[in-house]
């Protein structure tokens, strides 16, 4: 979908609203830059059982499935190793498989697309009041064994992670602070590099922990570094994400800075919301159309 195409979403899921009024009020206060915990009512959904998710994995293309062993360090160098199981066995036996799995872009399957758009539709008014049209909605399901680690990384989307079963603690770090993710790493990521970040133990003191269980969700700002530690039971979480003109402008401003850095400059990092970063973003988009961004 193009950046200019506004997403039309239903107002709520067919079973009624998932986010209570208190969640709407808190989200409206905190979005888009402040991480926070929200309440939700999405529990025991037929599409989100282990058997249903194993079936979903069989409908998704291989590129939309990632799974590996769960006993990982907080920081990894590149993609972690596999667990020796099939994705179906990994999911169905998540309680004992010592694994971590993610099903990406679940909106590729119609019934999951309807679920995703229903959830985002509930929050559309609050989102668009701050960051404009909701663009490129995507959904990700995480299935984790007890104690599994999702290593330190960042993501380009606005993101709400809804905990469905089990518990976990997400540790977030300030978005845009080069202490936690250097500007060069951002620039490399937006030119096709990995999202995994280098971890040093002395970074830990700058993190904020958000503990969530069933019925709770945590909001993650665009490009906020974070890692996740699963609780003592196996876990299912649903991540609902979207982009905005602001997030695309931030990414393209990073791309422009990468070109400046190649020329020997030390560019100023893009400003966080509500700054727009439009000048750099527009310049980068013109250069990209001319084929001059490589």
C-alpha atoms as a PDB file:
ATOM      1  CA  UNK A   1       0.000   0.000   0.000  1.00  0.00           C
ATOM      2  CA  UNK A   2       1.272   3.447  -0.811  1.00  0.00           C
ATOM      3  CA  UNK A   3       2.007   6.069   1.789  1.00  0.00           C
ATOM      4  CA  UNK A   4      -0.855   8.245   0.532  1.00  0.00           C
ATOM      5  CA  UNK A   5      -3.494   5.529   0.771  1.00  0.00           C
ATOM      6  CA  UNK A   6      -5.525   6.019   3.934  1.00  0.00           C
ATOM      7  CA  UNK A   7      -6.628   2.815   5.631  1.00  0.00           C
ATOM      8  CA  UNK A   8     -10.372   2.361   6.105  1.00  0.00           C
ATOM      9  CA  UNK A   9     -11.019   0.187   9.159  1.00  0.00           C
ATOM     10  CA  UNK A  10     -14.152  -0.954  10.961  1.00  0.00           C
ATOM     11  CA  UNK A  11     -14.998   0.747  14.246  1.00  0.00           C
ATOM     12  CA  UNK A  12     -14.601  -2.340  16.450  1.00  0.00           C
ATOM     13  CA  UNK A  13     -14.378  -6.129  16.421  1.00  0.00           C
ATOM     14  CA  UNK A  14     -17.552  -8.127  15.858  1.00  0.00           C
ATOM     15  CA  UNK A  15     -17.610  -9.255  19.505  1.00  0.00           C
ATOM     16  CA  UNK A  16     -17.744  -5.683  20.788  1.00  0.00           C
ATOM     17  CA  UNK A  17     -15.061  -3.192  21.848  1.00  0.00           C
ATOM     18  CA  UNK A  18     -11.781  -4.632  23.075  1.00  0.00           C
ATOM     19  CA  UNK A  19     -10.368  -1.430  24.563  1.00  0.00           C
ATOM     20  CA  UNK A  20     -12.397   0.029  27.488  1.00  0.00           C
ATOM     21  CA  UNK A  21     -12.932   3.801  27.880  1.00  0.00           C
ATOM     22  CA  UNK A  22     -10.040   4.044  30.362  1.00  0.00           C
ATOM     23  CA  UNK A  23      -7.668   2.608  27.747  1.00  0.00           C
ATOM     24  CA  UNK A  24      -8.838   5.133  25.164  1.00  0.00           C
ATOM     25  CA  UNK A  25      -8.261   7.996  27.594  1.00  0.00           C
ATOM     26  CA  UNK A  26      -4.782   6.826  28.560  1.00  0.00           C
ATOM     27  CA  UNK A  27      -3.780   6.128  24.973  1.00  0.00           C
ATOM     28  CA  UNK A  28      -4.965   9.572  23.881  1.00  0.00           C
ATOM     29  CA  UNK A  29      -2.816  11.195  26.592  1.00  0.00           C
ATOM     30  CA  UNK A  30       0.338   9.212  25.856  1.00  0.00           C
ATOM     31  CA  UNK A  31       0.364   8.584  22.098  1.00  0.00           C
ATOM     32  CA  UNK A  32       2.665   8.748  20.169  1.00  0.00           C
ATOM     33  CA  UNK A  33       5.827   9.252  22.241  1.00  0.00           C
ATOM     34  CA  UNK A  34       5.175   7.912  25.740  1.00  0.00           C
ATOM     35  CA  UNK A  35       5.213   4.143  26.410  1.00  0.00           C
ATOM     36  CA  UNK A  36       2.402   2.980  28.662  1.00  0.00           C
ATOM     37  CA  UNK A  37       0.271  -0.004  29.686  1.00  0.00           C
ATOM     38  CA  UNK A  38      -3.337  -0.365  28.503  1.00  0.00           C
ATOM     39  CA  UNK A  39      -6.178  -2.676  29.479  1.00  0.00           C
ATOM     40  CA  UNK A  40      -7.907  -4.821  26.835  1.00  0.00           C
ATOM     41  CA  UNK A  41     -10.644  -7.443  26.608  1.00  0.00           C
ATOM     42  CA  UNK A  42      -9.217  -9.711  23.927  1.00  0.00           C
ATOM     43  CA  UNK A  43      -9.024 -13.121  25.571  1.00  0.00           C
ATOM     44  CA  UNK A  44      -9.717 -16.727  24.544  1.00  0.00           C
ATOM     45  CA  UNK A  45     -10.174 -15.735  20.889  1.00  0.00           C
ATOM     46  CA  UNK A  46     -10.735 -18.690  18.556  1.00  0.00           C
ATOM     47  CA  UNK A  47      -8.142 -17.374  16.088  1.00  0.00           C
ATOM     48  CA  UNK A  48      -5.448 -17.113  18.763  1.00  0.00           C
ATOM     49  CA  UNK A  49      -5.292 -20.615  20.258  1.00  0.00           C
ATOM     50  CA  UNK A  50      -2.153 -22.694  19.754  1.00  0.00           C
ATOM     51  CA  UNK A  51      -3.898 -25.006  17.279  1.00  0.00           C
ATOM     52  CA  UNK A  52      -5.305 -22.059  15.330  1.00  0.00           C
ATOM     53  CA  UNK A  53      -1.894 -20.390  15.212  1.00  0.00           C
ATOM     54  CA  UNK A  54      -0.219 -23.590  14.046  1.00  0.00           C
ATOM     55  CA  UNK A  55      -2.811 -23.639  11.253  1.00  0.00           C
ATOM     56  CA  UNK A  56      -2.119 -19.972  10.480  1.00  0.00           C
ATOM     57  CA  UNK A  57       1.582 -20.767  10.117  1.00  0.00           C
ATOM     58  CA  UNK A  58       0.654 -23.247   7.382  1.00  0.00           C
ATOM     59  CA  UNK A  59      -1.146 -20.503   5.428  1.00  0.00           C
ATOM     60  CA  UNK A  60       1.608 -17.891   5.606  1.00  0.00           C
ATOM     61  CA  UNK A  61       4.561 -17.721   3.200  1.00  0.00           C
ATOM     62  CA  UNK A  62       7.888 -18.906   4.564  1.00  0.00           C
ATOM     63  CA  UNK A  63       9.200 -15.341   4.697  1.00  0.00           C
ATOM     64  CA  UNK A  64       6.462 -14.481   7.213  1.00  0.00           C
ATOM     65  CA  UNK A  65       7.531 -17.109   9.745  1.00  0.00           C
ATOM     66  CA  UNK A  66      10.476 -16.792  12.112  1.00  0.00           C
ATOM     67  CA  UNK A  67      11.249 -19.152  14.959  1.00  0.00           C
ATOM     68  CA  UNK A  68      14.310 -20.113  16.918  1.00  0.00           C
ATOM     69  CA  UNK A  69      15.496 -21.294  20.293  1.00  0.00           C
ATOM     70  CA  UNK A  70      14.304 -19.216  23.207  1.00  0.00           C
ATOM     71  CA  UNK A  71      17.279 -19.388  25.588  1.00  0.00           C
ATOM     72  CA  UNK A  72      18.940 -16.338  24.067  1.00  0.00           C
ATOM     73  CA  UNK A  73      20.985 -13.502  25.539  1.00  0.00           C
ATOM     74  CA  UNK A  74      19.531  -9.987  25.548  1.00  0.00           C
ATOM     75  CA  UNK A  75      21.910  -9.005  22.767  1.00  0.00           C
ATOM     76  CA  UNK A  76      22.585 -11.161  19.710  1.00  0.00           C
ATOM     77  CA  UNK A  77      24.870 -10.697  16.718  1.00  0.00           C
ATOM     78  CA  UNK A  78      22.518 -11.132  13.770  1.00  0.00           C
ATOM     79  CA  UNK A  79      19.678 -13.638  13.572  1.00  0.00           C
ATOM     80  CA  UNK A  80      19.666 -16.345  16.296  1.00  0.00           C
ATOM     81  CA  UNK A  81      19.904 -20.039  15.512  1.00  0.00           C
ATOM     82  CA  UNK A  82      17.046 -22.466  14.933  1.00  0.00           C
ATOM     83  CA  UNK A  83      15.554 -25.000  17.330  1.00  0.00           C
ATOM     84  CA  UNK A  84      15.514 -28.093  15.095  1.00  0.00           C
ATOM     85  CA  UNK A  85      11.688 -28.341  15.044  1.00  0.00           C
ATOM     86  CA  UNK A  86       9.015 -27.530  12.501  1.00  0.00           C
ATOM     87  CA  UNK A  87       7.001 -24.362  13.076  1.00  0.00           C
ATOM     88  CA  UNK A  88       3.884 -26.438  13.789  1.00  0.00           C
ATOM     89  CA  UNK A  89       5.627 -28.494  16.445  1.00  0.00           C
ATOM     90  CA  UNK A  90       7.255 -25.384  17.868  1.00  0.00           C
ATOM     91  CA  UNK A  91       3.868 -23.724  18.386  1.00  0.00           C
ATOM     92  CA  UNK A  92       1.859 -26.736  19.565  1.00  0.00           C
ATOM     93  CA  UNK A  93       4.551 -27.703  22.087  1.00  0.00           C
ATOM     94  CA  UNK A  94       5.626 -24.192  23.053  1.00  0.00           C
ATOM     95  CA  UNK A  95       5.429 -25.054  26.757  1.00  0.00           C
ATOM     96  CA  UNK A  96       8.351 -27.484  26.372  1.00  0.00           C
ATOM     97  CA  UNK A  97      10.101 -26.572  23.093  1.00  0.00           C
ATOM     98  CA  UNK A  98      12.256 -23.797  24.625  1.00  0.00           C
ATOM     99  CA  UNK A  99      11.519 -21.585  21.648  1.00  0.00           C
ATOM    100  CA  UNK A 100      10.380 -18.206  20.433  1.00  0.00           C
ATOM    101  CA  UNK A 101       8.259 -17.819  17.299  1.00  0.00           C
ATOM    102  CA  UNK A 102       6.672 -14.936  15.421  1.00  0.00           C
ATOM    103  CA  UNK A 103       4.055 -15.100  12.671  1.00  0.00           C
ATOM    104  CA  UNK A 104       4.454 -11.930  10.628  1.00  0.00           C
ATOM    105  CA  UNK A 105       1.898  -9.987   8.620  1.00  0.00           C
ATOM    106  CA  UNK A 106      -1.058 -12.059   9.733  1.00  0.00           C
ATOM    107  CA  UNK A 107      -3.250  -9.695   7.685  1.00  0.00           C
ATOM    108  CA  UNK A 108      -2.339 -11.842   4.683  1.00  0.00           C
ATOM    109  CA  UNK A 109      -5.066 -14.253   5.880  1.00  0.00           C
ATOM    110  CA  UNK A 110      -8.565 -12.691   5.623  1.00  0.00           C
ATOM    111  CA  UNK A 111      -9.931 -13.593   9.054  1.00  0.00           C
ATOM    112  CA  UNK A 112      -6.800 -12.287  10.753  1.00  0.00           C
ATOM    113  CA  UNK A 113      -6.922  -9.139   8.660  1.00  0.00           C
ATOM    114  CA  UNK A 114     -10.459  -8.530   9.941  1.00  0.00           C
ATOM    115  CA  UNK A 115      -9.271  -9.017  13.529  1.00  0.00           C
ATOM    116  CA  UNK A 116      -6.362  -6.599  13.069  1.00  0.00           C
ATOM    117  CA  UNK A 117      -8.421  -3.892  11.387  1.00  0.00           C
ATOM    118  CA  UNK A 118     -11.138  -4.177  13.992  1.00  0.00           C
ATOM    119  CA  UNK A 119      -8.655  -3.582  16.795  1.00  0.00           C
ATOM    120  CA  UNK A 120      -6.993  -0.648  15.061  1.00  0.00           C
ATOM    121  CA  UNK A 121     -10.383   0.771  14.152  1.00  0.00           C
ATOM    122  CA  UNK A 122     -11.194   1.189  17.817  1.00  0.00           C
ATOM    123  CA  UNK A 123      -8.190   3.484  18.246  1.00  0.00           C
ATOM    124  CA  UNK A 124      -8.359   5.250  14.892  1.00  0.00           C
ATOM    125  CA  UNK A 125      -9.773   8.501  16.261  1.00  0.00           C
ATOM    126  CA  UNK A 126      -7.034   8.898  18.874  1.00  0.00           C
ATOM    127  CA  UNK A 127      -4.297   7.919  16.429  1.00  0.00           C
ATOM    128  CA  UNK A 128      -5.339  10.220  13.613  1.00  0.00           C
ATOM    129  CA  UNK A 129      -5.862  13.174  15.946  1.00  0.00           C
ATOM    130  CA  UNK A 130      -2.116  13.097  16.642  1.00  0.00           C
ATOM    131  CA  UNK A 131      -0.260  11.560  13.683  1.00  0.00           C
ATOM    132  CA  UNK A 132      -2.753  11.734  10.829  1.00  0.00           C
ATOM    133  CA  UNK A 133      -3.907   8.903   8.612  1.00  0.00           C
ATOM    134  CA  UNK A 134      -3.283   5.372   9.836  1.00  0.00           C
ATOM    135  CA  UNK A 135      -1.115   3.692   7.189  1.00  0.00           C
ATOM    136  CA  UNK A 136       0.077   0.167   6.465  1.00  0.00           C
ATOM    137  CA  UNK A 137      -1.572  -1.828   9.288  1.00  0.00           C
ATOM    138  CA  UNK A 138       0.276  -5.018  10.146  1.00  0.00           C
ATOM    139  CA  UNK A 139      -0.145  -7.755  12.730  1.00  0.00           C
ATOM    140  CA  UNK A 140       2.361 -10.095  14.360  1.00  0.00           C
ATOM    141  CA  UNK A 141       1.732 -12.995  16.745  1.00  0.00           C
ATOM    142  CA  UNK A 142       4.451 -14.002  19.210  1.00  0.00           C
ATOM    143  CA  UNK A 143       4.464 -17.467  20.780  1.00  0.00           C
ATOM    144  CA  UNK A 144       7.091 -17.922  23.483  1.00  0.00           C
ATOM    145  CA  UNK A 145       8.268 -20.669  25.821  1.00  0.00           C
ATOM    146  CA  UNK A 146       8.713 -20.013  29.559  1.00  0.00           C
ATOM    147  CA  UNK A 147      11.667 -17.715  30.156  1.00  0.00           C
ATOM    148  CA  UNK A 148      12.278 -17.050  26.444  1.00  0.00           C
ATOM    149  CA  UNK A 149      14.056 -13.840  25.460  1.00  0.00           C
ATOM    150  CA  UNK A 150      13.249 -11.562  22.540  1.00  0.00           C
ATOM    151  CA  UNK A 151      16.628  -9.850  22.045  1.00  0.00           C
ATOM    152  CA  UNK A 152      17.317  -6.113  22.083  1.00  0.00           C
ATOM    153  CA  UNK A 153      16.025  -4.449  18.898  1.00  0.00           C
ATOM    154  CA  UNK A 154      13.877  -1.650  17.490  1.00  0.00           C
ATOM    155  CA  UNK A 155      10.974  -1.453  15.019  1.00  0.00           C
ATOM    156  CA  UNK A 156       9.808   1.248  12.566  1.00  0.00           C
ATOM    157  CA  UNK A 157       6.107   1.066  13.435  1.00  0.00           C
ATOM    158  CA  UNK A 158       3.829   2.448  16.110  1.00  0.00           C
ATOM    159  CA  UNK A 159       3.073  -0.714  18.077  1.00  0.00           C
ATOM    160  CA  UNK A 160       0.701  -2.051  20.727  1.00  0.00           C
ATOM    161  CA  UNK A 161       1.580  -5.488  22.123  1.00  0.00           C
ATOM    162  CA  UNK A 162      -1.475  -7.243  23.618  1.00  0.00           C
ATOM    163  CA  UNK A 163      -0.754 -10.044  26.064  1.00  0.00           C
ATOM    164  CA  UNK A 164      -3.211 -12.942  25.675  1.00  0.00           C
ATOM    165  CA  UNK A 165      -1.792 -15.821  27.723  1.00  0.00           C
ATOM    166  CA  UNK A 166       1.165 -15.971  30.073  1.00  0.00           C
ATOM    167  CA  UNK A 167       3.128 -12.917  31.107  1.00  0.00           C
ATOM    168  CA  UNK A 168       6.218 -11.004  30.092  1.00  0.00           C
ATOM    169  CA  UNK A 169       8.282  -7.981  30.959  1.00  0.00           C
ATOM    170  CA  UNK A 170       9.223  -5.563  28.191  1.00  0.00           C
ATOM    171  CA  UNK A 171      12.148  -3.265  28.932  1.00  0.00           C
ATOM    172  CA  UNK A 172      12.028  -0.129  26.793  1.00  0.00           C
ATOM    173  CA  UNK A 173      14.630   2.563  26.227  1.00  0.00           C
ATOM    174  CA  UNK A 174      14.179   6.167  25.026  1.00  0.00           C
ATOM    175  CA  UNK A 175      13.458   6.428  21.313  1.00  0.00           C
ATOM    176  CA  UNK A 176      15.912   8.549  19.346  1.00  0.00           C
ATOM    177  CA  UNK A 177      18.607   8.581  22.037  1.00  0.00           C
ATOM    178  CA  UNK A 178      21.929   7.592  20.402  1.00  0.00           C
ATOM    179  CA  UNK A 179      23.138   6.112  23.685  1.00  0.00           C
ATOM    180  CA  UNK A 180      20.778   3.174  23.126  1.00  0.00           C
ATOM    181  CA  UNK A 181      20.880   2.978  19.322  1.00  0.00           C
ATOM    182  CA  UNK A 182      23.505   5.000  17.482  1.00  0.00           C
ATOM    183  CA  UNK A 183      22.413   7.201  14.588  1.00  0.00           C
ATOM    184  CA  UNK A 184      24.537   5.137  12.212  1.00  0.00           C
ATOM    185  CA  UNK A 185      22.586   2.012  13.248  1.00  0.00           C
ATOM    186  CA  UNK A 186      19.295   3.729  12.426  1.00  0.00           C
ATOM    187  CA  UNK A 187      20.646   4.746   9.036  1.00  0.00           C
ATOM    188  CA  UNK A 188      21.902   1.251   8.295  1.00  0.00           C
ATOM    189  CA  UNK A 189      18.567  -0.267   9.313  1.00  0.00           C
ATOM    190  CA  UNK A 190      16.621   1.983   6.940  1.00  0.00           C
ATOM    191  CA  UNK A 191      18.884   0.904   4.083  1.00  0.00           C
ATOM    192  CA  UNK A 192      18.207  -2.791   4.684  1.00  0.00           C
ATOM    193  CA  UNK A 193      20.239  -3.592   7.801  1.00  0.00           C
ATOM    194  CA  UNK A 194      19.187  -5.723  10.757  1.00  0.00           C
ATOM    195  CA  UNK A 195      16.920  -4.484  13.544  1.00  0.00           C
ATOM    196  CA  UNK A 196      18.912  -6.266  16.252  1.00  0.00           C
ATOM    197  CA  UNK A 197      21.009  -3.915  18.378  1.00  0.00           C
ATOM    198  CA  UNK A 198      24.288  -4.307  20.211  1.00  0.00           C
ATOM    199  CA  UNK A 199      23.770  -4.761  23.948  1.00  0.00           C
ATOM    200  CA  UNK A 200      25.987  -3.607  26.785  1.00  0.00           C
ATOM    201  CA  UNK A 201      25.073  -4.317  30.437  1.00  0.00           C
ATOM    202  CA  UNK A 202      25.551  -0.672  31.420  1.00  0.00           C
ATOM    203  CA  UNK A 203      22.574   0.259  29.229  1.00  0.00           C
ATOM    204  CA  UNK A 204      20.187  -1.523  31.595  1.00  0.00           C
ATOM    205  CA  UNK A 205      19.918   1.347  34.074  1.00  0.00           C
ATOM    206  CA  UNK A 206      18.292   3.535  31.392  1.00  0.00           C
ATOM    207  CA  UNK A 207      15.452   1.115  30.702  1.00  0.00           C
ATOM    208  CA  UNK A 208      11.855   1.184  31.907  1.00  0.00           C
ATOM    209  CA  UNK A 209      10.173  -2.138  32.680  1.00  0.00           C
ATOM    210  CA  UNK A 210       6.569  -2.815  31.683  1.00  0.00           C
ATOM    211  CA  UNK A 211       5.148  -6.038  33.126  1.00  0.00           C
ATOM    212  CA  UNK A 212       2.021  -7.291  31.354  1.00  0.00           C
ATOM    213  CA  UNK A 213      -0.259 -10.282  31.759  1.00  0.00           C
ATOM    214  CA  UNK A 214      -3.516 -11.393  30.102  1.00  0.00           C
ATOM    215  CA  UNK A 215      -5.793  -8.417  29.559  1.00  0.00           C
ATOM    216  CA  UNK A 216      -2.906  -5.943  29.453  1.00  0.00           C
ATOM    217  CA  UNK A 217      -1.016  -4.344  26.567  1.00  0.00           C
ATOM    218  CA  UNK A 218       2.019  -2.105  26.218  1.00  0.00           C
ATOM    219  CA  UNK A 219       2.528   0.670  23.684  1.00  0.00           C
ATOM    220  CA  UNK A 220       5.942   0.988  21.990  1.00  0.00           C
ATOM    221  CA  UNK A 221       6.892   4.260  20.233  1.00  0.00           C
ATOM    222  CA  UNK A 222       8.489   4.197  16.782  1.00  0.00           C
ATOM    223  CA  UNK A 223      12.108   2.972  16.939  1.00  0.00           C
ATOM    224  CA  UNK A 224      12.154   2.692  20.743  1.00  0.00           C
ATOM    225  CA  UNK A 225      14.800   0.041  21.582  1.00  0.00           C
ATOM    226  CA  UNK A 226      13.472  -2.793  23.703  1.00  0.00           C
ATOM    227  CA  UNK A 227      13.866  -6.402  24.739  1.00  0.00           C
ATOM    228  CA  UNK A 228      11.340  -8.827  26.203  1.00  0.00           C
ATOM    229  CA  UNK A 229      11.683 -11.517  28.839  1.00  0.00           C
ATOM    230  CA  UNK A 230       8.894 -14.092  28.995  1.00  0.00           C
ATOM    231  CA  UNK A 231       7.429 -15.152  32.346  1.00  0.00           C
ATOM    232  CA  UNK A 232       7.329 -18.631  33.922  1.00  0.00           C
ATOM    233  CA  UNK A 233       4.552 -19.889  31.595  1.00  0.00           C
ATOM    234  CA  UNK A 234       4.279 -20.114  27.829  1.00  0.00           C
ATOM    235  CA  UNK A 235       2.953 -16.965  26.216  1.00  0.00           C
ATOM    236  CA  UNK A 236       0.872 -15.727  23.288  1.00  0.00           C
ATOM    237  CA  UNK A 237       0.974 -12.039  22.368  1.00  0.00           C
ATOM    238  CA  UNK A 238      -0.539 -10.089  19.484  1.00  0.00           C
ATOM    239  CA  UNK A 239       1.251  -7.026  18.141  1.00  0.00           C
ATOM    240  CA  UNK A 240      -0.887  -4.545  16.183  1.00  0.00           C
ATOM    241  CA  UNK A 241       1.138  -1.953  14.291  1.00  0.00           C
ATOM    242  CA  UNK A 242       0.672   0.940  11.909  1.00  0.00           C
ATOM    243  CA  UNK A 243       2.710   3.610  10.200  1.00  0.00           C
ATOM    244  CA  UNK A 244       2.102   7.342   9.906  1.00  0.00           C
ATOM    245  CA  UNK A 245       3.393  10.140   7.702  1.00  0.00           C
ATOM    246  CA  UNK A 246       5.613  11.059  10.659  1.00  0.00           C
ATOM    247  CA  UNK A 247       7.166   7.576  10.881  1.00  0.00           C
ATOM    248  CA  UNK A 248       7.852   7.472   7.139  1.00  0.00           C
ATOM    249  CA  UNK A 249       9.395  10.951   7.264  1.00  0.00           C
ATOM    250  CA  UNK A 250      11.642   9.898  10.159  1.00  0.00           C
ATOM    251  CA  UNK A 251      12.796   6.879   8.158  1.00  0.00           C
ATOM    252  CA  UNK A 252      13.489   8.905   5.021  1.00  0.00           C
ATOM    253  CA  UNK A 253      15.312  11.588   7.004  1.00  0.00           C
ATOM    254  CA  UNK A 254      17.541   8.792   8.309  1.00  0.00           C
ATOM    255  CA  UNK A 255      18.101   7.721   4.717  1.00  0.00           C
ATOM    256  CA  UNK A 256      19.135  11.249   3.767  1.00  0.00           C
ATOM    257  CA  UNK A 257      21.516  11.381   6.730  1.00  0.00           C
ATOM    258  CA  UNK A 258      23.117   8.155   5.517  1.00  0.00           C
ATOM    259  CA  UNK A 259      23.921   9.866   2.207  1.00  0.00           C
ATOM    260  CA  UNK A 260      25.335  12.903   4.020  1.00  0.00           C
ATOM    261  CA  UNK A 261      27.485  10.657   6.207  1.00  0.00           C
ATOM    262  CA  UNK A 262      28.889   8.919   3.109  1.00  0.00           C
ATOM    263  CA  UNK A 263      29.971  12.357   1.893  1.00  0.00           C
ATOM    264  CA  UNK A 264      31.872  12.975   5.122  1.00  0.00           C
ATOM    265  CA  UNK A 265      29.318  15.030   7.028  1.00  0.00           C
ATOM    266  CA  UNK A 266      28.120  14.430  10.591  1.00  0.00           C
ATOM    267  CA  UNK A 267      24.383  15.068  10.158  1.00  0.00           C
ATOM    268  CA  UNK A 268      21.933  16.056  12.877  1.00  0.00           C
ATOM    269  CA  UNK A 269      19.567  13.225  13.782  1.00  0.00           C
ATOM    270  CA  UNK A 270      15.873  13.562  12.881  1.00  0.00           C
ATOM    271  CA  UNK A 271      13.817  15.227  15.603  1.00  0.00           C
ATOM    272  CA  UNK A 272      11.117  13.294  17.419  1.00  0.00           C
ATOM    273  CA  UNK A 273       7.399  14.024  17.110  1.00  0.00           C
ATOM    274  CA  UNK A 274       5.864  16.615  16.799  1.00  0.00           C
ATOM    275  CA  UNK A 275       8.759  17.773  14.593  1.00  0.00           C
ATOM    276  CA  UNK A 276       8.076  16.764  10.976  1.00  0.00           C
ATOM    277  CA  UNK A 277      11.510  16.137   9.380  1.00  0.00           C
ATOM    278  CA  UNK A 278       9.832  17.004   6.083  1.00  0.00           C
ATOM    279  CA  UNK A 279      12.726  18.803   4.394  1.00  0.00           C
ATOM    280  CA  UNK A 280      15.168  15.917   4.681  1.00  0.00           C
ATOM    281  CA  UNK A 281      12.459  13.378   3.937  1.00  0.00           C
ATOM    282  CA  UNK A 282      11.291  15.203   0.809  1.00  0.00           C
ATOM    283  CA  UNK A 283      14.864  15.626  -0.433  1.00  0.00           C
ATOM    284  CA  UNK A 284      15.568  11.922   0.088  1.00  0.00           C
ATOM    285  CA  UNK A 285      12.396  10.946  -1.775  1.00  0.00           C
ATOM    286  CA  UNK A 286      13.397  13.099  -4.756  1.00  0.00           C
ATOM    287  CA  UNK A 287      16.853  11.528  -4.786  1.00  0.00           C
ATOM    288  CA  UNK A 288      15.306   8.049  -4.518  1.00  0.00           C
ATOM    289  CA  UNK A 289      13.107   8.711  -7.561  1.00  0.00           C
ATOM    290  CA  UNK A 290      16.223   9.765  -9.437  1.00  0.00           C
ATOM    291  CA  UNK A 291      18.019   6.578  -8.424  1.00  0.00           C
ATOM    292  CA  UNK A 292      20.639   8.448  -6.403  1.00  0.00           C
ATOM    293  CA  UNK A 293      20.216   6.869  -2.954  1.00  0.00           C
ATOM    294  CA  UNK A 294      22.457   3.832  -3.237  1.00  0.00           C
END
